[in-house]
Amino acid sequence: MTVTAADYSWFEDTFPDLAEAYCLTLVKDLAPADLLRRLDGEEGPVLTGAAAVVEAAYRLGDSQQLVAMARVGPWTLMIEPNGHLGVDEERALPASAGTTWISHFCNVNGLGSFLWAEDGGVRSAFEPVLPDSRWGSTPDDQLSAMHRVGFHFGTDAPDVDRSVAAAFALAETMTGVRPTPELLGTTAFTCGFLRIR
């Protein structure tokens, strides 16, 4: 069955506080503790569900970012409420050494980014609202999937911006991981704290 942006139409309604500003990252074959170590993070509490994660993240000051991680098959899912470290190439590329890194982000102003990195290099990166402009070593490798999942190409503005939902769908297409309402709402996440540089 083909995954499309329509499969993620629930995200903004079900998790409005997270959807307001988020970064979601999937890292292959790397345990949460190892991922946190690569990002120079400090271990934090275990929190159950995205609502608890968002609440804890917004209690932090401006110098720290909370990340919440869980294993989903061979992938580690990392969620950052009001964060963007997963798409920050300065932090993400070194952390992607020897693995695959898929991350997407959107902030309160609707600005976003999608990053596909492997082994320290950018395979493809783009702004979800402007998918025509891509960069990296293989910027067009997922182009047919991008069209299929529902990114809007061309100069005409879409009636409804589905770029966040399309980013979720593309990440699922590339990893096989589907973040469902149940997964986000009931998972016990291993949390950590990262310094914001």
Protein backbone atom coordinates (compact mmCIF):
# COMPACT_ATOMS: atom_id res chain seq x y z
CA MET A 1 0.00 0.00 0.00
CA THR A 2 1.36 3.42 -0.95
CA VAL A 3 1.91 5.90 1.87
CA THR A 4 0.79 9.48 1.21
CA ALA A 5 0.45 12.75 3.09
CA ALA A 6 -3.20 11.85 3.74
CA ASP A 7 -2.01 9.10 6.11
CA TYR A 8 -0.63 11.80 8.42
CA SER A 9 -3.53 14.25 8.36
CA TRP A 10 -4.07 13.38 12.05
CA PHE A 11 -0.73 14.73 13.29
CA GLU A 12 -1.52 18.42 13.69
CA ASP A 13 -4.96 17.78 15.24
CA THR A 14 -3.88 14.96 17.57
CA PHE A 15 -0.60 16.51 18.76
CA PRO A 16 -1.04 20.27 18.26
CA ASP A 17 1.62 21.26 20.81
CA LEU A 18 4.24 19.04 19.18
CA ALA A 19 3.14 19.93 15.63
CA GLU A 20 3.58 23.64 16.37
CA ALA A 21 7.39 23.19 16.30
CA TYR A 22 9.04 19.78 16.05
CA CYS A 23 11.91 17.75 14.67
CA LEU A 24 11.55 14.01 14.09
CA THR A 25 14.62 11.89 13.28
CA LEU A 26 15.07 8.22 12.43
CA VAL A 27 18.54 6.67 12.77
CA LYS A 28 19.23 3.11 11.63
CA ASP A 29 20.97 0.48 13.76
CA LEU A 30 21.94 2.85 16.55
CA ALA A 31 20.54 2.43 20.07
CA PRO A 32 19.18 5.49 21.90
CA ALA A 33 22.10 5.52 24.35
CA ASP A 34 24.60 5.43 21.47
CA LEU A 35 22.74 8.18 19.61
CA LEU A 36 22.71 10.37 22.71
CA ARG A 37 26.45 9.79 23.16
CA ARG A 38 27.15 10.80 19.53
CA LEU A 39 25.23 14.02 20.11
CA ASP A 40 27.17 14.73 23.34
CA GLY A 41 23.96 14.56 25.35
CA GLU A 42 23.25 13.84 28.99
CA GLU A 43 20.87 11.11 30.09
CA GLY A 44 17.45 12.25 31.24
CA PRO A 45 14.24 10.64 32.51
CA VAL A 46 11.94 8.14 30.83
CA LEU A 47 8.72 9.89 29.80
CA THR A 48 5.61 8.21 28.44
CA GLY A 49 3.88 9.78 25.47
CA ALA A 50 4.47 12.87 23.37
CA ALA A 51 2.39 15.11 25.66
CA ALA A 52 4.73 14.45 28.61
CA VAL A 53 7.76 14.95 26.36
CA VAL A 54 6.48 18.31 25.08
CA GLU A 55 5.66 19.49 28.59
CA ALA A 56 9.15 18.60 29.85
CA ALA A 57 10.82 20.22 26.83
CA TYR A 58 9.05 23.54 27.32
CA ARG A 59 10.15 23.67 30.97
CA LEU A 60 13.82 23.79 29.93
CA GLY A 61 15.77 26.99 29.50
CA ASP A 62 17.20 28.29 26.24
CA SER A 63 20.54 26.49 26.63
CA GLN A 64 19.23 22.90 26.47
CA GLN A 65 17.15 20.79 24.11
CA LEU A 66 15.22 17.74 25.26
CA VAL A 67 15.27 14.75 22.93
CA ALA A 68 13.02 11.71 23.37
CA MET A 69 14.11 8.40 21.84
CA ALA A 70 12.65 4.94 21.32
CA ARG A 71 13.58 1.88 19.28
CA VAL A 72 11.18 1.03 16.44
CA GLY A 73 12.52 -2.13 14.79
CA PRO A 74 16.07 -1.44 13.60
CA TRP A 75 15.56 2.33 13.85
CA THR A 76 15.76 4.77 16.73
CA LEU A 77 13.06 7.42 16.61
CA MET A 78 14.13 10.75 18.12
CA ILE A 79 11.64 13.53 18.78
CA GLU A 80 12.56 17.14 19.60
CA PRO A 81 9.74 19.44 20.65
CA ASN A 82 10.62 22.97 19.54
CA GLY A 83 14.00 21.72 18.29
CA HIS A 84 15.91 21.33 15.05
CA LEU A 85 19.15 19.52 15.93
CA GLY A 86 18.17 16.54 13.76
CA VAL A 87 18.40 18.70 10.62
CA ASP A 88 21.39 20.74 11.80
CA GLU A 89 24.12 19.44 9.51
CA GLU A 90 26.85 20.48 11.94
CA ARG A 91 25.42 18.05 14.53
CA ALA A 92 23.65 15.49 12.35
CA LEU A 93 26.35 14.67 9.82
CA PRO A 94 29.02 13.56 12.32
CA ALA A 95 26.34 11.60 14.22
CA SER A 96 25.32 9.80 10.99
CA ALA A 97 28.73 8.10 10.61
CA GLY A 98 28.20 4.48 9.56
CA THR A 99 24.42 4.76 9.48
CA THR A 100 21.38 6.26 7.75
CA TRP A 101 19.80 9.42 9.15
CA ILE A 102 16.37 10.70 8.07
CA SER A 103 15.08 13.86 9.74
CA HIS A 104 12.37 16.45 9.19
CA PHE A 105 11.58 19.65 11.01
CA CYS A 106 9.03 22.44 11.00
CA ASN A 107 8.92 25.52 13.23
CA VAL A 108 6.14 27.80 14.40
CA ASN A 109 6.59 30.00 11.32
CA GLY A 110 6.11 27.09 8.92
CA LEU A 111 9.79 26.98 7.96
CA GLY A 112 11.07 23.44 7.63
CA SER A 113 13.77 21.11 6.45
CA PHE A 114 14.15 17.48 5.39
CA LEU A 115 17.56 15.82 5.68
CA TRP A 116 18.67 12.42 4.40
CA ALA A 117 22.25 11.74 5.46
CA GLU A 118 24.42 8.65 5.26
CA ASP A 119 27.82 8.05 6.78
CA GLY A 120 28.58 11.71 7.38
CA GLY A 121 27.36 13.07 4.03
CA VAL A 122 24.15 14.69 2.78
CA ARG A 123 22.35 12.47 0.26
CA SER A 124 19.44 14.87 -0.14
CA ALA A 125 18.12 17.92 1.69
CA PHE A 126 15.33 20.36 0.94
CA GLU A 127 12.67 22.59 2.42
CA PRO A 128 9.36 20.66 2.43
CA VAL A 129 7.42 23.71 1.20
CA LEU A 130 9.93 24.14 -1.67
CA PRO A 131 10.75 20.58 -2.79
CA ASP A 132 11.86 21.74 -6.26
CA SER A 133 15.12 22.96 -4.74
CA ARG A 134 17.18 20.04 -3.41
CA TRP A 135 20.88 19.57 -2.69
CA GLY A 136 23.25 16.78 -1.69
CA SER A 137 25.17 13.99 -3.40
CA THR A 138 21.98 12.25 -4.68
CA PRO A 139 19.28 14.95 -4.51
CA ASP A 140 16.93 13.22 -6.97
CA ASP A 141 17.08 9.63 -5.66
CA GLN A 142 13.75 10.02 -3.84
CA LEU A 143 12.12 12.35 -6.38
CA SER A 144 9.50 9.85 -7.57
CA ALA A 145 8.63 9.02 -3.95
CA MET A 146 8.34 12.73 -3.17
CA HIS A 147 5.79 13.13 -5.96
CA ARG A 148 3.95 10.00 -4.87
CA VAL A 149 3.60 10.97 -1.19
CA GLY A 150 2.19 14.41 -1.99
CA PHE A 151 4.81 17.15 -2.01
CA HIS A 152 3.67 20.12 -4.07
CA PHE A 153 5.93 20.95 -7.00
CA GLY A 154 5.71 23.96 -9.27
CA THR A 155 4.99 27.63 -8.83
CA ASP A 156 1.28 27.51 -7.99
CA ALA A 157 0.61 27.56 -4.25
CA PRO A 158 -1.42 24.54 -3.09
CA ASP A 159 -4.90 25.08 -1.65
CA VAL A 160 -3.74 23.37 1.57
CA ASP A 161 -0.13 23.09 2.73
CA ARG A 162 0.51 19.39 3.29
CA SER A 163 4.30 19.64 3.48
CA VAL A 164 4.53 18.41 7.10
CA ALA A 165 2.33 15.39 6.38
CA ALA A 166 4.28 14.72 3.17
CA ALA A 167 7.56 14.81 5.14
CA PHE A 168 6.18 12.18 7.53
CA ALA A 169 5.07 10.06 4.56
CA LEU A 170 8.45 10.33 2.81
CA ALA A 171 10.29 9.37 6.01
CA GLU A 172 8.03 6.31 6.33
CA THR A 173 8.60 5.39 2.68
CA MET A 174 12.37 5.53 3.23
CA THR A 175 12.48 3.72 6.60
CA GLY A 176 9.36 1.59 6.91
CA VAL A 177 8.65 3.26 10.28
CA ARG A 178 5.14 4.63 10.75
CA PRO A 179 4.76 6.98 13.72
CA THR A 180 1.12 6.33 14.63
CA PRO A 181 -0.97 8.25 17.17
CA GLU A 182 -0.63 5.24 19.47
CA LEU A 183 3.16 5.10 19.10
CA LEU A 184 3.57 8.81 19.83
CA GLY A 185 0.94 8.82 22.56
CA THR A 186 1.87 5.74 24.60
CA THR A 187 5.57 4.95 24.05
CA ALA A 188 7.99 5.17 26.96
CA PHE A 189 10.71 7.45 25.57
CA THR A 190 14.27 7.49 26.85
CA CYS A 191 15.06 11.17 27.13
CA GLY A 192 18.25 13.15 27.07
CA PHE A 193 19.43 16.73 27.20
CA LEU A 194 21.58 18.32 24.51
CA ARG A 195 23.42 21.61 24.73
CA ILE A 196 22.27 24.20 22.22
CA ARG A 197 25.32 25.75 20.59
